[in-house]
Amino acid sequence: MDIEWINECYKEASKIFDSTREAYEWADSLHSDFAGGYRVNVGYATPDDKVYTYLVEHLPKWARYNNLRINVNTSQDLVDGKLTHKIWITPCDE
């Protein structure tokens, strides 16, 4: 399955935000990229655990708000000595 990694579109994707508020504002702005769960096979990779945590918590909420069922998948990779958090959504197997 091919995942569309939206982080490749944003220079901020490799940024670690100074505050939780900044990270949450950034992560919330990604709502349209995930389209509230309407789009599947879409993912985001970030070194910022605050952005990752926000998305883990809010992607299911965005989908429920739109009466959708999705799977939220996560992984962590070590890239060039830095931990990268990945999160992506796939269709829910019913």
N, C-alpha and C. Protein backbone atom coordinates (compact mmCIF):
# COMPACT_ATOMS: atom_id res chain seq x y z
N MET A 1 0.85 -1.18 0.00
CA MET A 1 0.00 0.00 0.00
C MET A 1 0.89 1.24 0.00
N ASP A 2 0.61 2.16 -0.87
CA ASP A 2 1.37 3.41 -0.94
C ASP A 2 0.73 4.45 -0.04
N ILE A 3 1.56 5.09 0.77
CA ILE A 3 1.10 6.17 1.64
C ILE A 3 1.56 7.49 1.04
N GLU A 4 0.67 8.46 0.99
CA GLU A 4 1.04 9.81 0.56
C GLU A 4 1.54 10.55 1.80
N TRP A 5 2.82 10.79 1.85
CA TRP A 5 3.43 11.47 3.01
C TRP A 5 3.35 12.97 2.80
N ILE A 6 2.42 13.62 3.49
CA ILE A 6 2.19 15.04 3.29
C ILE A 6 3.31 15.90 3.87
N ASN A 7 4.13 15.35 4.77
CA ASN A 7 5.21 16.13 5.33
C ASN A 7 6.19 16.59 4.26
N GLU A 8 6.25 15.87 3.15
CA GLU A 8 7.18 16.23 2.08
C GLU A 8 6.81 17.56 1.43
N CYS A 9 5.61 18.07 1.72
CA CYS A 9 5.15 19.33 1.14
C CYS A 9 5.50 20.54 2.01
N TYR A 10 5.96 20.32 3.23
CA TYR A 10 6.13 21.41 4.18
C TYR A 10 7.53 21.44 4.76
N LYS A 11 8.14 22.63 4.74
CA LYS A 11 9.46 22.77 5.36
C LYS A 11 9.37 22.64 6.88
N GLU A 12 8.21 22.94 7.46
CA GLU A 12 8.02 22.84 8.90
C GLU A 12 7.99 21.40 9.39
N ALA A 13 7.88 20.46 8.50
CA ALA A 13 7.76 19.06 8.89
C ALA A 13 8.98 18.55 9.65
N SER A 14 10.13 19.14 9.42
CA SER A 14 11.34 18.68 10.12
C SER A 14 11.63 19.52 11.36
N LYS A 15 10.74 20.43 11.67
CA LYS A 15 10.94 21.35 12.79
C LYS A 15 10.46 20.73 14.11
N ILE A 16 11.19 21.02 15.16
CA ILE A 16 10.73 20.71 16.52
C ILE A 16 10.31 22.04 17.12
N PHE A 17 9.03 22.16 17.40
CA PHE A 17 8.48 23.42 17.88
C PHE A 17 8.89 23.68 19.32
N ASP A 18 9.04 24.96 19.65
CA ASP A 18 9.49 25.35 20.99
C ASP A 18 8.44 25.08 22.06
N SER A 19 7.19 25.27 21.72
CA SER A 19 6.14 25.11 22.73
C SER A 19 5.08 24.11 22.26
N THR A 20 4.36 23.59 23.22
CA THR A 20 3.26 22.69 22.91
C THR A 20 2.20 23.42 22.10
N ARG A 21 1.94 24.65 22.45
CA ARG A 21 0.93 25.42 21.73
C ARG A 21 1.28 25.56 20.24
N GLU A 22 2.53 25.89 19.94
CA GLU A 22 2.95 26.01 18.54
C GLU A 22 2.78 24.68 17.81
N ALA A 23 3.20 23.61 18.46
CA ALA A 23 3.11 22.28 17.85
C ALA A 23 1.65 21.92 17.59
N TYR A 24 0.78 22.21 18.55
CA TYR A 24 -0.63 21.87 18.38
C TYR A 24 -1.28 22.71 17.30
N GLU A 25 -0.91 23.99 17.22
CA GLU A 25 -1.46 24.83 16.15
C GLU A 25 -1.02 24.31 14.79
N TRP A 26 0.24 23.91 14.69
CA TRP A 26 0.73 23.36 13.43
C TRP A 26 -0.01 22.06 13.08
N ALA A 27 -0.08 21.16 14.05
CA ALA A 27 -0.73 19.88 13.80
C ALA A 27 -2.20 20.07 13.43
N ASP A 28 -2.86 21.00 14.09
CA ASP A 28 -4.27 21.26 13.78
C ASP A 28 -4.42 21.78 12.36
N SER A 29 -3.44 22.52 11.88
CA SER A 29 -3.51 23.05 10.51
C SER A 29 -3.43 21.93 9.47
N LEU A 30 -3.01 20.74 9.87
CA LEU A 30 -2.91 19.61 8.94
C LEU A 30 -4.27 18.94 8.70
N HIS A 31 -5.30 19.40 9.40
CA HIS A 31 -6.63 18.82 9.26
C HIS A 31 -7.06 18.73 7.80
N SER A 32 -6.85 19.80 7.06
CA SER A 32 -7.29 19.78 5.66
C SER A 32 -6.51 18.77 4.82
N ASP A 33 -5.25 18.50 5.19
CA ASP A 33 -4.47 17.51 4.45
C ASP A 33 -5.01 16.10 4.69
N PHE A 34 -5.49 15.88 5.90
CA PHE A 34 -6.09 14.59 6.22
C PHE A 34 -7.59 14.60 5.92
N ALA A 35 -8.12 15.80 5.66
CA ALA A 35 -9.54 16.00 5.34
C ALA A 35 -10.46 15.35 6.36
N GLY A 36 -10.06 15.45 7.63
CA GLY A 36 -10.90 14.94 8.70
C GLY A 36 -11.12 13.45 8.66
N GLY A 37 -10.33 12.73 7.91
CA GLY A 37 -10.48 11.28 7.81
C GLY A 37 -11.09 10.82 6.50
N TYR A 38 -11.55 11.80 5.68
CA TYR A 38 -12.11 11.42 4.38
C TYR A 38 -11.04 10.81 3.47
N ARG A 39 -9.83 11.32 3.59
CA ARG A 39 -8.73 10.79 2.79
C ARG A 39 -8.07 9.68 3.59
N VAL A 40 -7.73 8.61 2.93
CA VAL A 40 -7.01 7.51 3.58
C VAL A 40 -5.71 7.28 2.83
N ASN A 41 -4.85 6.50 3.44
CA ASN A 41 -3.51 6.26 2.92
C ASN A 41 -2.71 7.56 2.85
N VAL A 42 -2.94 8.41 3.86
CA VAL A 42 -2.25 9.68 4.00
C VAL A 42 -1.49 9.63 5.32
N GLY A 43 -0.25 10.14 5.30
CA GLY A 43 0.54 10.10 6.51
C GLY A 43 1.39 11.33 6.71
N TYR A 44 1.94 11.43 7.90
CA TYR A 44 2.80 12.55 8.28
C TYR A 44 3.93 12.01 9.12
N ALA A 45 5.15 12.47 8.85
CA ALA A 45 6.32 12.08 9.62
C ALA A 45 6.93 13.33 10.22
N THR A 46 7.33 13.24 11.49
CA THR A 46 7.85 14.41 12.20
C THR A 46 8.84 13.98 13.28
N PRO A 47 9.84 14.81 13.52
CA PRO A 47 10.72 14.53 14.65
C PRO A 47 10.14 15.07 15.97
N ASP A 48 9.07 15.86 15.87
CA ASP A 48 8.48 16.50 17.05
C ASP A 48 7.41 15.60 17.68
N ASP A 49 7.71 15.10 18.87
CA ASP A 49 6.75 14.22 19.52
C ASP A 49 5.47 14.94 19.92
N LYS A 50 5.51 16.27 20.05
CA LYS A 50 4.30 17.03 20.39
C LYS A 50 3.31 17.01 19.21
N VAL A 51 3.82 17.19 18.01
CA VAL A 51 2.97 17.13 16.81
C VAL A 51 2.41 15.73 16.66
N TYR A 52 3.26 14.74 16.82
CA TYR A 52 2.86 13.33 16.72
C TYR A 52 1.75 13.02 17.73
N THR A 53 1.93 13.41 18.97
CA THR A 53 0.94 13.14 20.02
C THR A 53 -0.40 13.79 19.69
N TYR A 54 -0.36 15.02 19.21
CA TYR A 54 -1.60 15.71 18.85
C TYR A 54 -2.33 14.94 17.75
N LEU A 55 -1.60 14.53 16.72
CA LEU A 55 -2.24 13.81 15.62
C LEU A 55 -2.79 12.46 16.07
N VAL A 56 -2.06 11.76 16.92
CA VAL A 56 -2.55 10.47 17.44
C VAL A 56 -3.88 10.66 18.16
N GLU A 57 -4.00 11.74 18.91
CA GLU A 57 -5.22 12.01 19.66
C GLU A 57 -6.35 12.53 18.78
N HIS A 58 -6.02 13.35 17.78
CA HIS A 58 -7.07 14.06 17.04
C HIS A 58 -7.51 13.42 15.74
N LEU A 59 -6.68 12.63 15.09
CA LEU A 59 -7.13 11.98 13.86
C LEU A 59 -8.38 11.14 14.08
N PRO A 60 -8.44 10.32 15.14
CA PRO A 60 -9.69 9.56 15.36
C PRO A 60 -10.88 10.47 15.64
N LYS A 61 -10.65 11.57 16.35
CA LYS A 61 -11.75 12.51 16.63
C LYS A 61 -12.25 13.16 15.36
N TRP A 62 -11.32 13.56 14.49
CA TRP A 62 -11.73 14.17 13.23
C TRP A 62 -12.57 13.19 12.41
N ALA A 63 -12.16 11.95 12.39
CA ALA A 63 -12.90 10.93 11.63
C ALA A 63 -14.28 10.69 12.24
N ARG A 64 -14.34 10.56 13.58
CA ARG A 64 -15.64 10.34 14.24
C ARG A 64 -16.59 11.50 13.99
N TYR A 65 -16.04 12.71 13.99
CA TYR A 65 -16.86 13.89 13.74
C TYR A 65 -17.53 13.79 12.37
N ASN A 66 -16.86 13.17 11.43
CA ASN A 66 -17.38 12.99 10.07
C ASN A 66 -18.04 11.62 9.89
N ASN A 67 -18.30 10.93 10.99
CA ASN A 67 -18.94 9.61 10.96
C ASN A 67 -18.18 8.61 10.08
N LEU A 68 -16.86 8.63 10.20
CA LEU A 68 -16.00 7.73 9.43
C LEU A 68 -15.26 6.80 10.37
N ARG A 69 -14.91 5.66 9.85
CA ARG A 69 -14.09 4.70 10.60
C ARG A 69 -12.78 4.53 9.87
N ILE A 70 -11.70 4.80 10.57
CA ILE A 70 -10.36 4.68 9.99
C ILE A 70 -9.47 3.91 10.96
N ASN A 71 -8.38 3.42 10.45
CA ASN A 71 -7.32 2.88 11.29
C ASN A 71 -6.22 3.93 11.36
N VAL A 72 -5.75 4.19 12.56
CA VAL A 72 -4.62 5.09 12.75
C VAL A 72 -3.41 4.22 13.03
N ASN A 73 -2.41 4.34 12.19
CA ASN A 73 -1.20 3.52 12.26
C ASN A 73 -0.03 4.40 12.68
N THR A 74 0.88 3.84 13.46
CA THR A 74 2.03 4.61 13.90
C THR A 74 3.29 3.76 13.85
N SER A 75 4.40 4.44 13.71
CA SER A 75 5.70 3.78 13.81
C SER A 75 6.74 4.83 14.13
N GLN A 76 7.90 4.36 14.50
CA GLN A 76 9.03 5.25 14.75
C GLN A 76 10.23 4.70 14.01
N ASP A 77 10.98 5.60 13.39
CA ASP A 77 12.18 5.21 12.67
C ASP A 77 13.33 6.08 13.13
N LEU A 78 14.51 5.52 13.10
CA LEU A 78 15.71 6.28 13.36
C LEU A 78 16.29 6.68 12.00
N VAL A 79 16.26 7.99 11.71
CA VAL A 79 16.73 8.50 10.43
C VAL A 79 17.88 9.48 10.70
N ASP A 80 19.04 9.17 10.18
CA ASP A 80 20.23 10.00 10.38
C ASP A 80 20.46 10.30 11.87
N GLY A 81 20.25 9.31 12.70
CA GLY A 81 20.46 9.46 14.14
C GLY A 81 19.37 10.20 14.88
N LYS A 82 18.28 10.55 14.18
CA LYS A 82 17.17 11.27 14.81
C LYS A 82 15.92 10.40 14.75
N LEU A 83 15.18 10.40 15.85
CA LEU A 83 13.94 9.65 15.92
C LEU A 83 12.86 10.37 15.12
N THR A 84 12.22 9.68 14.22
CA THR A 84 11.12 10.23 13.43
C THR A 84 9.86 9.45 13.74
N HIS A 85 8.81 10.18 14.12
CA HIS A 85 7.51 9.59 14.42
C HIS A 85 6.68 9.63 13.15
N LYS A 86 6.02 8.52 12.83
CA LYS A 86 5.16 8.46 11.65
C LYS A 86 3.75 8.08 12.07
N ILE A 87 2.80 8.73 11.43
CA ILE A 87 1.39 8.42 11.67
C ILE A 87 0.69 8.48 10.32
N TRP A 88 -0.16 7.49 10.05
CA TRP A 88 -0.90 7.48 8.80
C TRP A 88 -2.24 6.81 9.02
N ILE A 89 -3.19 7.14 8.14
CA ILE A 89 -4.52 6.55 8.26
C ILE A 89 -4.80 5.67 7.06
N THR A 90 -5.49 4.59 7.35
CA THR A 90 -5.90 3.64 6.34
C THR A 90 -7.38 3.32 6.53
N PRO A 91 -8.02 2.75 5.51
CA PRO A 91 -9.44 2.40 5.65
C PRO A 91 -9.63 1.38 6.78
N CYS A 92 -10.71 1.51 7.46
CA CYS A 92 -11.03 0.57 8.52
C CYS A 92 -11.54 -0.73 7.92
N ASP A 93 -10.96 -1.82 8.34
CA ASP A 93 -11.44 -3.16 7.90
C ASP A 93 -12.68 -3.48 8.70
N GLU A 94 -13.75 -3.66 8.04
CA GLU A 94 -15.02 -3.92 8.75
C GLU A 94 -15.32 -5.40 8.78
